[in-house]
């Protein structure tokens, strides 16, 4: 079966009583389940670069209709939602803040942990009642969960009221998918096995006009044993630098103050180029010359964090020295089982290089506890690494097996009560270190990019420092969207309180 046949849209009648064998044959036509062996053969297919446009026959499809997208997961999912919202509005739809008056509801899903999937299935259960009451409502599931065979099988069998399922590689086909869903009484399923091309000129509806995400690459080729992302997001594909720079220039012209360059493994950017030698360091060096006050990137992998990138970041200016650098474990033995391809010693040497070049650098990280075979001694190594690096903060998780990954086949031999106890101890250290770091800000004046009103008090404004510290302070609403100087009066565990020391002025 050729790739074009795989791409062809398939309709499924939810009322059909298919056997497991029938579902298996169906998926052979439109979907290839996660396979480590097959996935590691990447690079055979050429990645095509193409532009997006709304087909003439679909223009005005959404006139008089409203859409609602609920997003789960990482920044990449948030960015995908911005793209889908852009497509909806280009079709004539209007956004709505709730499901009750929506004509189309999409759940943009995350597959990285079991808890995220459970939330989606729970939400589908709630939406079933709404769908019964309003049968003309279109309900869709998209995102990373849609790339998992077991998940789509479950939706087909248990939630047949869902109208459409599509994956991460064909978001640009949303107009066609909607058209098929309107025209057919059957479920529309379009999950591509091909790991995506690079589509430019996609419309976007960004949240606000202060900060923006710019996707610079797709996919991941690292294949950490616990991670489903290389399967749900596909192989690494970099956007051309000229397209990215043009997008950033356009955002600067619109008045955006902060740009975050996005990728599943952002510092692998450019490794797939065959015609030029050009990486993340080159890209950031060029973008730093654009009139943007702040430039960040996420998420990086220690294996690809090279000396050239450190050299460029050390130039400072609008290149911020807040670096998110996931370590996952402080034990070399566990890191080896995770297939992270670096040791504790390598990670600490990288941290040393970063701090030598940028003495005031702020580091944050991700840590998994309770990975298969993790001993108490190995967990203690994680605690000792955290103390040695003195991270500003961390995202901490209990290991969650994902079907289709190598780790899922390992014996999950750390009891849940042990996992929870270790997480509590780690979080206590994270909180203690964060509070200590923030205490150092008391009495100091920092530059804050004001994003809006505080979530807890409309009389208070909130914004972030260069090192991504949340600051709450009283100031006139005219300060929103500006970078202002704030004197820190009180440090809490995770946030800072302060007072503006001068009128809202730009501080680069």
Protein backbone atom coordinates (compact mmCIF):
# COMPACT_ATOMS: atom_id res chain seq x y z
CA UNK A 1 0.00 0.00 0.00
CA UNK A 2 1.52 3.34 -1.01
CA UNK A 3 1.60 6.50 1.10
CA UNK A 4 -1.15 8.22 -0.86
CA UNK A 5 -3.48 5.33 -0.07
CA UNK A 6 -2.59 5.62 3.59
CA UNK A 7 -3.50 9.30 3.53
CA UNK A 8 -6.91 8.72 2.03
CA UNK A 9 -9.71 9.56 4.41
CA UNK A 10 -11.54 6.60 5.91
CA UNK A 11 -15.08 6.65 7.26
CA UNK A 12 -16.18 4.30 9.99
CA UNK A 13 -19.78 3.53 10.80
CA UNK A 14 -20.00 3.46 14.61
CA UNK A 15 -22.97 1.13 14.42
CA UNK A 16 -20.91 -1.57 12.69
CA UNK A 17 -20.13 -4.44 15.06
CA UNK A 18 -16.49 -5.04 14.21
CA UNK A 19 -14.40 -7.76 15.75
CA UNK A 20 -10.89 -7.06 17.06
CA UNK A 21 -9.60 -8.68 13.87
CA UNK A 22 -11.70 -6.27 11.77
CA UNK A 23 -10.31 -3.28 13.67
CA UNK A 24 -6.78 -4.57 13.13
CA UNK A 25 -7.34 -4.83 9.38
CA UNK A 26 -8.89 -1.34 9.37
CA UNK A 27 -5.85 0.16 11.07
CA UNK A 28 -3.50 -1.46 8.57
CA UNK A 29 -5.15 0.81 6.01
CA UNK A 30 -4.85 4.16 7.80
CA UNK A 31 -2.53 3.74 10.73
CA UNK A 32 0.71 2.10 11.82
CA UNK A 33 0.93 1.46 15.58
CA UNK A 34 4.06 2.49 17.51
CA UNK A 35 7.00 0.28 16.56
CA UNK A 36 10.49 1.00 17.89
CA UNK A 37 12.05 -1.13 15.16
CA UNK A 38 10.17 0.58 12.32
CA UNK A 39 10.41 4.08 13.79
CA UNK A 40 14.21 3.90 14.04
CA UNK A 41 14.42 3.38 10.28
CA UNK A 42 13.62 7.06 9.85
CA UNK A 43 15.09 9.23 7.16
CA UNK A 44 14.06 7.10 4.19
CA UNK A 45 11.17 9.34 3.20
CA UNK A 46 11.79 12.86 1.98
CA UNK A 47 10.15 15.61 4.02
CA UNK A 48 8.23 17.94 1.76
CA UNK A 49 7.78 21.66 2.36
CA UNK A 50 4.43 23.07 1.31
CA UNK A 51 2.20 26.09 1.88
CA UNK A 52 -1.29 26.20 3.38
CA UNK A 53 -4.37 27.66 1.76
CA UNK A 54 -8.12 27.24 2.27
CA UNK A 55 -9.66 25.35 -0.68
CA UNK A 56 -12.18 27.58 -2.43
CA UNK A 57 -15.06 25.14 -1.92
CA UNK A 58 -14.65 25.31 1.88
CA UNK A 59 -14.58 29.09 2.25
CA UNK A 60 -17.49 30.31 4.38
CA UNK A 61 -18.12 26.81 5.73
CA UNK A 62 -18.28 28.15 9.27
CA UNK A 63 -20.48 31.20 8.75
CA UNK A 64 -22.87 31.49 11.68
CA UNK A 65 -21.14 28.67 13.58
CA UNK A 66 -18.92 28.61 16.67
CA UNK A 67 -15.97 26.40 17.67
CA UNK A 68 -14.47 25.39 21.00
CA UNK A 69 -11.09 23.70 21.53
CA UNK A 70 -10.05 22.18 24.86
CA UNK A 71 -6.28 21.71 25.06
CA UNK A 72 -4.34 19.21 27.13
CA UNK A 73 -0.57 18.87 27.46
CA UNK A 74 2.52 20.79 26.44
CA UNK A 75 3.31 24.07 24.71
CA UNK A 76 3.35 22.26 21.37
CA UNK A 77 -0.29 21.28 21.90
CA UNK A 78 -1.11 24.87 22.84
CA UNK A 79 0.54 26.03 19.65
CA UNK A 80 -1.37 23.42 17.60
CA UNK A 81 -4.57 24.82 19.11
CA UNK A 82 -3.56 28.32 17.96
CA UNK A 83 -3.16 26.93 14.42
CA UNK A 84 -6.50 25.10 14.47
CA UNK A 85 -8.21 28.22 15.82
CA UNK A 86 -6.66 30.15 12.94
CA UNK A 87 -8.02 27.63 10.43
CA UNK A 88 -11.48 27.72 12.02
CA UNK A 89 -11.62 31.51 11.80
CA UNK A 90 -10.34 31.46 8.23
CA UNK A 91 -13.32 29.21 7.47
CA UNK A 92 -15.72 31.75 9.00
CA UNK A 93 -16.24 30.17 12.45
CA UNK A 94 -16.26 32.27 15.62
CA UNK A 95 -14.65 31.16 18.91
CA UNK A 96 -16.71 30.52 22.04
CA UNK A 97 -15.62 30.11 25.66
CA UNK A 98 -17.90 27.16 26.45
CA UNK A 99 -19.25 23.95 24.98
CA UNK A 100 -22.95 24.79 25.33
CA UNK A 101 -23.19 27.07 22.29
CA UNK A 102 -20.39 25.47 20.23
CA UNK A 103 -21.19 23.89 16.87
CA UNK A 104 -17.81 22.11 16.78
CA UNK A 105 -15.88 20.85 19.82
CA UNK A 106 -12.32 19.55 19.55
CA UNK A 107 -10.34 17.88 22.31
CA UNK A 108 -6.66 18.45 21.52
CA UNK A 109 -5.10 15.62 23.50
CA UNK A 110 -1.85 14.68 25.22
CA UNK A 111 -0.45 11.16 25.45
CA UNK A 112 2.59 11.68 27.64
CA UNK A 113 1.00 10.38 30.86
CA UNK A 114 -1.89 8.10 31.73
CA UNK A 115 -3.58 10.80 33.81
CA UNK A 116 -3.85 13.07 30.76
CA UNK A 117 -5.58 10.32 28.77
CA UNK A 118 -7.99 9.57 31.61
CA UNK A 119 -9.04 13.23 31.68
CA UNK A 120 -9.91 13.09 27.98
CA UNK A 121 -11.98 9.93 28.30
CA UNK A 122 -13.75 11.48 31.29
CA UNK A 123 -14.53 14.59 29.24
CA UNK A 124 -15.91 12.44 26.40
CA UNK A 125 -18.27 10.89 28.92
CA UNK A 126 -19.52 14.34 29.92
CA UNK A 127 -19.93 15.43 26.30
CA UNK A 128 -22.04 12.39 25.43
CA UNK A 129 -25.08 13.99 27.08
CA UNK A 130 -24.54 17.22 25.13
CA UNK A 131 -24.20 15.27 21.88
CA UNK A 132 -27.49 13.44 22.55
CA UNK A 133 -29.23 16.75 23.19
CA UNK A 134 -27.67 18.38 20.12
CA UNK A 135 -27.06 15.71 17.47
CA UNK A 136 -25.90 18.31 14.92
CA UNK A 137 -22.91 19.13 17.15
CA UNK A 138 -19.59 17.95 15.67
CA UNK A 139 -17.29 16.38 18.26
CA UNK A 140 -13.66 15.60 17.43
CA UNK A 141 -10.59 14.13 19.11
CA UNK A 142 -7.19 15.20 17.80
CA UNK A 143 -3.62 15.54 19.02
CA UNK A 144 -1.21 12.96 20.38
CA UNK A 145 -3.74 10.43 21.72
CA UNK A 146 -5.14 10.10 18.21
CA UNK A 147 -1.80 8.69 17.05
CA UNK A 148 -2.15 5.71 19.43
CA UNK A 149 -3.89 2.64 18.02
CA UNK A 150 -5.26 1.49 21.38
CA UNK A 151 -6.80 4.91 22.04
CA UNK A 152 -8.52 5.12 18.66
CA UNK A 153 -9.77 1.54 19.06
CA UNK A 154 -11.28 2.50 22.40
CA UNK A 155 -13.01 5.56 20.95
CA UNK A 156 -14.41 3.49 18.07
CA UNK A 157 -15.82 0.88 20.45
CA UNK A 158 -16.80 2.89 23.53
CA UNK A 159 -17.45 6.42 22.25
CA UNK A 160 -19.07 5.96 18.80
CA UNK A 161 -20.77 9.37 19.11
CA UNK A 162 -17.43 11.03 18.30
CA UNK A 163 -17.64 12.47 14.76
CA UNK A 164 -13.97 12.78 13.81
CA UNK A 165 -10.53 11.61 14.87
CA UNK A 166 -7.35 13.04 13.35
CA UNK A 167 -3.70 13.06 14.34
CA UNK A 168 -0.77 15.42 14.76
CA UNK A 169 0.55 15.16 11.20
CA UNK A 170 -2.50 16.40 9.31
CA UNK A 171 -3.83 19.41 11.23
CA UNK A 172 -3.62 21.39 7.99
CA UNK A 173 -6.34 19.11 6.57
CA UNK A 174 -8.89 20.32 9.13
CA UNK A 175 -11.12 21.98 6.45
CA UNK A 176 -11.42 18.69 4.54
CA UNK A 177 -12.00 16.69 7.72
CA UNK A 178 -14.79 19.05 8.80
CA UNK A 179 -16.36 18.84 5.35
CA UNK A 180 -16.37 15.04 5.48
CA UNK A 181 -17.88 15.09 8.98
CA UNK A 182 -20.71 17.37 7.83
CA UNK A 183 -21.42 15.34 4.72
CA UNK A 184 -21.30 11.88 6.29
CA UNK A 185 -23.33 10.25 9.05
CA UNK A 186 -20.32 8.06 9.79
CA UNK A 187 -17.30 8.70 11.97
CA UNK A 188 -14.42 10.28 10.05
CA UNK A 189 -11.01 8.93 11.00
CA UNK A 190 -7.86 10.32 9.42
CA UNK A 191 -4.66 9.32 11.17
CA UNK A 192 -1.61 9.40 8.93
CA UNK A 193 1.17 6.87 9.32
CA UNK A 194 3.50 9.19 7.41
CA UNK A 195 5.25 11.38 9.93
CA UNK A 196 4.28 14.68 8.46
CA UNK A 197 5.61 17.28 6.08
CA UNK A 198 6.40 20.89 6.95
CA UNK A 199 3.46 23.14 6.15
CA UNK A 200 4.09 26.89 6.12
CA UNK A 201 1.70 29.87 6.14
CA UNK A 202 -0.66 28.23 8.62
CA UNK A 203 -3.00 30.81 10.16
CA UNK A 204 -2.75 31.27 13.93
CA UNK A 205 -4.90 32.86 16.60
CA UNK A 206 -2.49 33.63 19.43
CA UNK A 207 -3.48 34.33 23.00
CA UNK A 208 -2.87 38.01 23.53
CA UNK A 209 -0.29 40.17 21.78
CA UNK A 210 2.54 40.15 24.31
CA UNK A 211 4.15 36.69 24.14
CA UNK A 212 4.20 34.25 21.23
CA UNK A 213 5.35 30.71 20.52
CA UNK A 214 7.15 30.04 17.26
CA UNK A 215 7.46 26.42 16.26
CA UNK A 216 10.90 25.82 14.70
CA UNK A 217 10.78 22.02 14.33
CA UNK A 218 8.56 18.98 14.72
CA UNK A 219 9.08 15.52 16.15
CA UNK A 220 11.83 13.79 18.12
CA UNK A 221 14.35 11.06 17.27
CA UNK A 222 15.70 10.40 20.77
CA UNK A 223 13.52 7.38 21.66
CA UNK A 224 13.86 7.57 25.44
CA UNK A 225 12.42 4.24 26.58
CA UNK A 226 9.56 5.80 28.56
CA UNK A 227 8.44 8.37 25.99
CA UNK A 228 5.61 8.11 23.46
CA UNK A 229 6.45 11.43 21.74
CA UNK A 230 8.69 10.01 18.95
CA UNK A 231 5.69 7.91 17.89
CA UNK A 232 2.94 10.51 18.26
CA UNK A 233 4.92 13.45 16.87
CA UNK A 234 7.08 11.66 14.31
CA UNK A 235 10.64 12.17 13.18
CA UNK A 236 12.56 15.41 13.58
CA UNK A 237 11.71 17.90 10.83
CA UNK A 238 13.13 21.42 10.93
CA UNK A 239 11.50 24.47 9.40
CA UNK A 240 13.74 26.47 7.10
CA UNK A 241 15.47 29.35 8.94
CA UNK A 242 14.22 32.00 6.52
CA UNK A 243 10.59 31.04 7.26
CA UNK A 244 11.17 31.23 11.03
CA UNK A 245 12.99 34.57 10.82
CA UNK A 246 10.22 36.01 8.67
CA UNK A 247 7.61 34.90 11.23
CA UNK A 248 9.57 36.48 14.10
CA UNK A 249 10.00 39.72 12.15
CA UNK A 250 6.25 39.81 11.58
CA UNK A 251 5.59 39.29 15.31
CA UNK A 252 8.07 42.06 16.17
CA UNK A 253 6.26 44.40 13.79
CA UNK A 254 3.01 43.57 15.61
CA UNK A 255 4.55 44.61 18.92
CA UNK A 256 5.16 41.24 20.59
CA UNK A 257 7.69 41.52 23.42
CA UNK A 258 8.69 37.88 23.98
CA UNK A 259 9.21 34.92 21.64
CA UNK A 260 9.67 31.30 22.69
CA UNK A 261 11.12 28.99 20.05
CA UNK A 262 9.38 25.63 20.29
CA UNK A 263 10.38 22.06 19.50
CA UNK A 264 9.93 18.63 21.08
CA UNK A 265 13.74 18.58 21.12
CA UNK A 266 14.45 22.17 20.19
CA UNK A 267 18.24 22.08 20.24
CA UNK A 268 18.29 19.32 17.61
CA UNK A 269 17.10 22.01 15.21
CA UNK A 270 18.81 21.87 11.83
CA UNK A 271 20.40 18.43 12.24
CA UNK A 272 18.18 17.14 9.43
CA UNK A 273 19.31 19.80 6.93
CA UNK A 274 21.41 18.32 4.14
CA UNK A 275 22.20 21.49 2.21
CA UNK A 276 23.41 23.76 5.04
CA UNK A 277 25.16 23.50 8.40
CA UNK A 278 22.81 25.48 10.58
CA UNK A 279 21.67 24.80 14.14
CA UNK A 280 19.78 26.40 17.00
CA UNK A 281 22.76 28.56 17.92
CA UNK A 282 22.86 30.04 14.40
CA UNK A 283 19.12 30.66 14.45
CA UNK A 284 19.13 32.36 17.85
CA UNK A 285 22.11 34.47 16.86
CA UNK A 286 20.19 35.77 13.83
CA UNK A 287 16.89 36.26 15.64
CA UNK A 288 18.62 38.15 18.47
CA UNK A 289 19.22 40.97 15.98
CA UNK A 290 15.45 41.45 15.54
CA UNK A 291 13.74 44.05 17.73
CA UNK A 292 12.22 41.60 20.23
CA UNK A 293 12.78 42.30 23.92
CA UNK A 294 13.04 38.67 25.03
CA UNK A 295 13.95 35.42 23.30
CA UNK A 296 13.59 31.96 24.88
CA UNK A 297 13.51 28.34 23.71
CA UNK A 298 12.08 25.06 25.00
CA UNK A 299 12.44 22.11 25.45
CA UNK A 300 16.09 21.15 25.17
CA UNK A 301 17.82 17.78 25.50
CA UNK A 302 21.21 17.61 27.27
CA UNK A 303 22.64 15.46 24.45
CA UNK A 304 22.21 18.25 21.90
CA UNK A 305 23.17 21.22 24.07
CA UNK A 306 26.48 22.13 22.40
CA UNK A 307 29.25 24.64 23.14
CA UNK A 308 28.19 26.87 20.23
CA UNK A 309 24.75 27.35 21.77
CA UNK A 310 26.29 28.23 25.14
CA UNK A 311 28.59 30.72 23.40
CA UNK A 312 25.67 32.44 21.66
CA UNK A 313 23.47 32.54 24.79
CA UNK A 314 26.33 34.06 26.76
CA UNK A 315 26.10 37.17 24.55
CA UNK A 316 23.04 38.13 26.59
CA UNK A 317 20.93 41.05 25.45
CA UNK A 318 17.52 39.70 24.45
CA UNK A 319 18.80 36.11 24.72
CA UNK A 320 17.59 35.09 28.17
CA UNK A 321 19.66 32.92 30.50
CA UNK A 322 16.72 30.92 31.82
CA UNK A 323 17.27 27.37 30.52
CA UNK A 324 14.92 24.41 30.93
CA UNK A 325 17.18 21.34 30.86
CA UNK A 326 15.36 18.08 31.71
CA UNK A 327 17.58 15.61 33.57
CA UNK A 328 14.88 12.98 34.46
CA UNK A 329 17.16 11.16 36.95
CA UNK A 330 20.38 11.76 38.86
CA UNK A 331 21.48 8.13 38.50
CA UNK A 332 23.66 7.12 35.54
CA UNK A 333 22.27 3.58 35.76
CA UNK A 334 18.67 4.78 35.50
CA UNK A 335 19.59 7.23 32.74
CA UNK A 336 21.04 4.29 30.81
CA UNK A 337 17.80 2.28 31.17
CA UNK A 338 15.90 5.40 30.08
CA UNK A 339 18.15 5.57 26.96
CA UNK A 340 18.89 9.23 27.68
CA UNK A 341 22.42 8.66 26.25
CA UNK A 342 24.19 10.80 28.82
CA UNK A 343 25.46 10.14 32.33
CA UNK A 344 25.14 12.05 35.58
CA UNK A 345 28.72 13.24 35.07
CA UNK A 346 28.00 14.49 31.53
CA UNK A 347 24.96 16.43 32.74
CA UNK A 348 26.88 18.05 35.61
CA UNK A 349 29.70 19.00 33.23
CA UNK A 350 27.16 20.65 30.93
CA UNK A 351 25.74 22.59 33.89
CA UNK A 352 29.28 23.64 34.82
CA UNK A 353 29.88 24.97 31.28
CA UNK A 354 26.60 26.89 31.27
CA UNK A 355 27.25 28.49 34.66
CA UNK A 356 30.83 29.32 33.71
CA UNK A 357 29.62 31.18 30.61
CA UNK A 358 26.51 32.60 32.33
CA UNK A 359 27.14 32.86 36.09
CA UNK A 360 23.60 34.09 36.77
CA UNK A 361 21.86 31.47 34.63
CA UNK A 362 18.59 30.07 35.96
CA UNK A 363 18.09 26.32 35.41
CA UNK A 364 14.85 24.36 35.65
CA UNK A 365 14.31 20.67 34.96
CA UNK A 366 12.02 17.63 34.70
CA UNK A 367 12.40 14.58 36.96
CA UNK A 368 10.70 11.16 36.92
CA UNK A 369 10.58 9.11 40.12
CA UNK A 370 9.81 5.42 40.44
CA UNK A 371 11.18 4.33 37.06
CA UNK A 372 11.40 0.51 36.77
CA UNK A 373 14.26 -0.87 38.89
CA UNK A 374 14.95 2.46 40.62
CA UNK A 375 16.51 1.71 44.01
CA UNK A 376 16.53 3.91 47.08
CA UNK A 377 20.21 4.61 46.47
CA UNK A 378 19.53 5.69 42.90
CA UNK A 379 16.72 7.96 44.02
CA UNK A 380 19.11 9.53 46.56
CA UNK A 381 21.43 10.25 43.63
CA UNK A 382 18.63 12.31 42.09
CA UNK A 383 18.23 14.28 45.33
CA UNK A 384 21.98 14.90 45.56
CA UNK A 385 22.14 16.08 41.93
CA UNK A 386 19.26 18.47 42.59
CA UNK A 387 21.13 19.91 45.59
CA UNK A 388 24.36 20.21 43.61
CA UNK A 389 22.80 22.02 40.63
CA UNK A 390 20.38 24.04 42.77
CA UNK A 391 17.65 24.22 40.16
CA UNK A 392 15.27 27.14 40.46
CA UNK A 393 12.31 24.77 40.08
CA UNK A 394 11.31 21.42 38.60
CA UNK A 395 8.40 19.56 37.09
CA UNK A 396 8.23 16.25 38.95
CA UNK A 397 6.32 13.12 37.96
CA UNK A 398 5.70 9.56 39.02
CA UNK A 399 6.65 7.18 36.20
CA UNK A 400 3.66 6.34 34.02
CA UNK A 401 4.06 3.46 31.51
CA UNK A 402 2.93 4.28 27.97
CA UNK A 403 1.76 1.45 25.75
CA UNK A 404 4.06 0.92 22.77
CA UNK A 405 7.24 2.12 24.49
CA UNK A 406 10.10 -0.19 25.55
CA UNK A 407 9.71 0.80 29.20
CA UNK A 408 6.10 -0.44 29.17
CA UNK A 409 7.47 -3.96 28.70
CA UNK A 410 9.71 -3.65 31.77
CA UNK A 411 8.50 -4.91 35.13
CA UNK A 412 7.07 -1.93 36.99
CA UNK A 413 8.65 -3.16 40.20
CA UNK A 414 8.62 -0.03 42.36
CA UNK A 415 5.51 -0.13 44.59
CA UNK A 416 3.15 2.84 44.23
CA UNK A 417 3.45 3.74 47.90
CA UNK A 418 7.24 3.96 47.44
CA UNK A 419 6.82 6.11 44.32
CA UNK A 420 4.52 8.50 46.16
CA UNK A 421 6.84 8.72 49.16
CA UNK A 422 9.80 9.52 46.90
CA UNK A 423 7.81 12.15 45.05
CA UNK A 424 6.92 13.81 48.36
CA UNK A 425 10.58 13.90 49.40
CA UNK A 426 11.64 15.29 46.04
CA UNK A 427 8.92 17.93 46.07
CA UNK A 428 9.92 18.99 49.57
CA UNK A 429 13.45 19.60 48.27
CA UNK A 430 12.13 21.40 45.17
CA UNK A 431 9.95 23.69 47.33
CA UNK A 432 12.74 24.35 49.81
CA UNK A 433 15.22 25.24 47.05
CA UNK A 434 12.70 27.39 45.19
CA UNK A 435 11.86 29.36 48.34
CA UNK A 436 15.58 29.87 49.03
CA UNK A 437 16.21 31.09 45.48
CA UNK A 438 13.26 33.48 45.55
CA UNK A 439 14.27 34.85 48.97
CA UNK A 440 17.39 36.25 47.31
CA UNK A 441 15.17 38.57 45.25
CA UNK A 442 13.83 40.50 48.24
CA UNK A 443 14.90 44.12 48.06
CA UNK A 444 16.11 43.80 44.47
CA UNK A 445 14.70 45.58 41.41
CA UNK A 446 13.77 43.33 38.49
CA UNK A 447 12.40 43.84 34.98
CA UNK A 448 8.89 42.42 34.64
CA UNK A 449 6.99 41.85 31.40
CA UNK A 450 3.43 42.65 32.51
CA UNK A 451 0.94 40.15 31.10
CA UNK A 452 -2.29 41.24 32.75
CA UNK A 453 -4.32 41.09 35.93
CA UNK A 454 -3.48 38.57 38.62
CA UNK A 455 -5.71 35.50 38.57
CA UNK A 456 -6.52 36.00 42.25
CA UNK A 457 -6.98 39.78 42.38
CA UNK A 458 -7.99 42.09 39.49
CA UNK A 459 -6.50 45.03 41.41
CA UNK A 460 -3.05 43.43 41.11
CA UNK A 461 -1.01 42.98 37.92
CA UNK A 462 1.15 39.96 37.15
CA UNK A 463 4.13 39.33 34.92
CA UNK A 464 7.38 37.47 34.56
CA UNK A 465 11.04 38.33 34.98
CA UNK A 466 13.73 37.33 32.46
CA UNK A 467 14.26 34.19 34.56
CA UNK A 468 10.56 33.33 34.37
CA UNK A 469 9.70 34.28 37.97
CA UNK A 470 6.06 35.28 38.48
CA UNK A 471 5.71 38.71 40.10
CA UNK A 472 2.48 40.22 41.48
CA UNK A 473 2.34 43.98 42.08
CA UNK A 474 0.01 46.96 42.00
CA UNK A 475 0.31 49.26 39.02
CA UNK A 476 -1.90 51.11 36.53
CA UNK A 477 -3.47 48.97 33.82
CA UNK A 478 -1.45 50.96 31.27
CA UNK A 479 1.57 48.89 32.32
CA UNK A 480 0.08 45.75 30.72
CA UNK A 481 2.15 44.74 27.72
CA UNK A 482 5.17 46.74 28.90
CA UNK A 483 8.42 45.84 30.65
CA UNK A 484 8.59 47.72 33.95
CA UNK A 485 10.91 47.89 36.93
CA UNK A 486 9.54 46.29 40.09
CA UNK A 487 11.13 46.21 43.55
CA UNK A 488 10.55 42.86 45.25
CA UNK A 489 9.05 43.26 48.71
CA UNK A 490 8.22 39.65 49.60
CA UNK A 491 9.22 36.21 48.34
CA UNK A 492 6.89 33.21 48.53
CA UNK A 493 7.57 29.58 47.62
CA UNK A 494 6.77 30.02 43.93
CA UNK A 495 5.98 33.71 43.36
CA UNK A 496 7.20 37.19 44.23
CA UNK A 497 5.33 40.27 45.45
CA UNK A 498 6.59 43.75 44.63
CA UNK A 499 5.90 47.38 43.87
CA UNK A 500 6.54 49.23 40.65
CA UNK A 501 9.29 51.78 41.13
CA UNK A 502 8.67 53.88 38.03
CA UNK A 503 6.11 54.44 35.32
CA UNK A 504 5.79 51.80 32.60
CA UNK A 505 8.76 52.21 30.29
CA UNK A 506 10.55 49.82 28.00
CA UNK A 507 13.62 48.20 29.53
CA UNK A 508 15.66 46.08 27.12
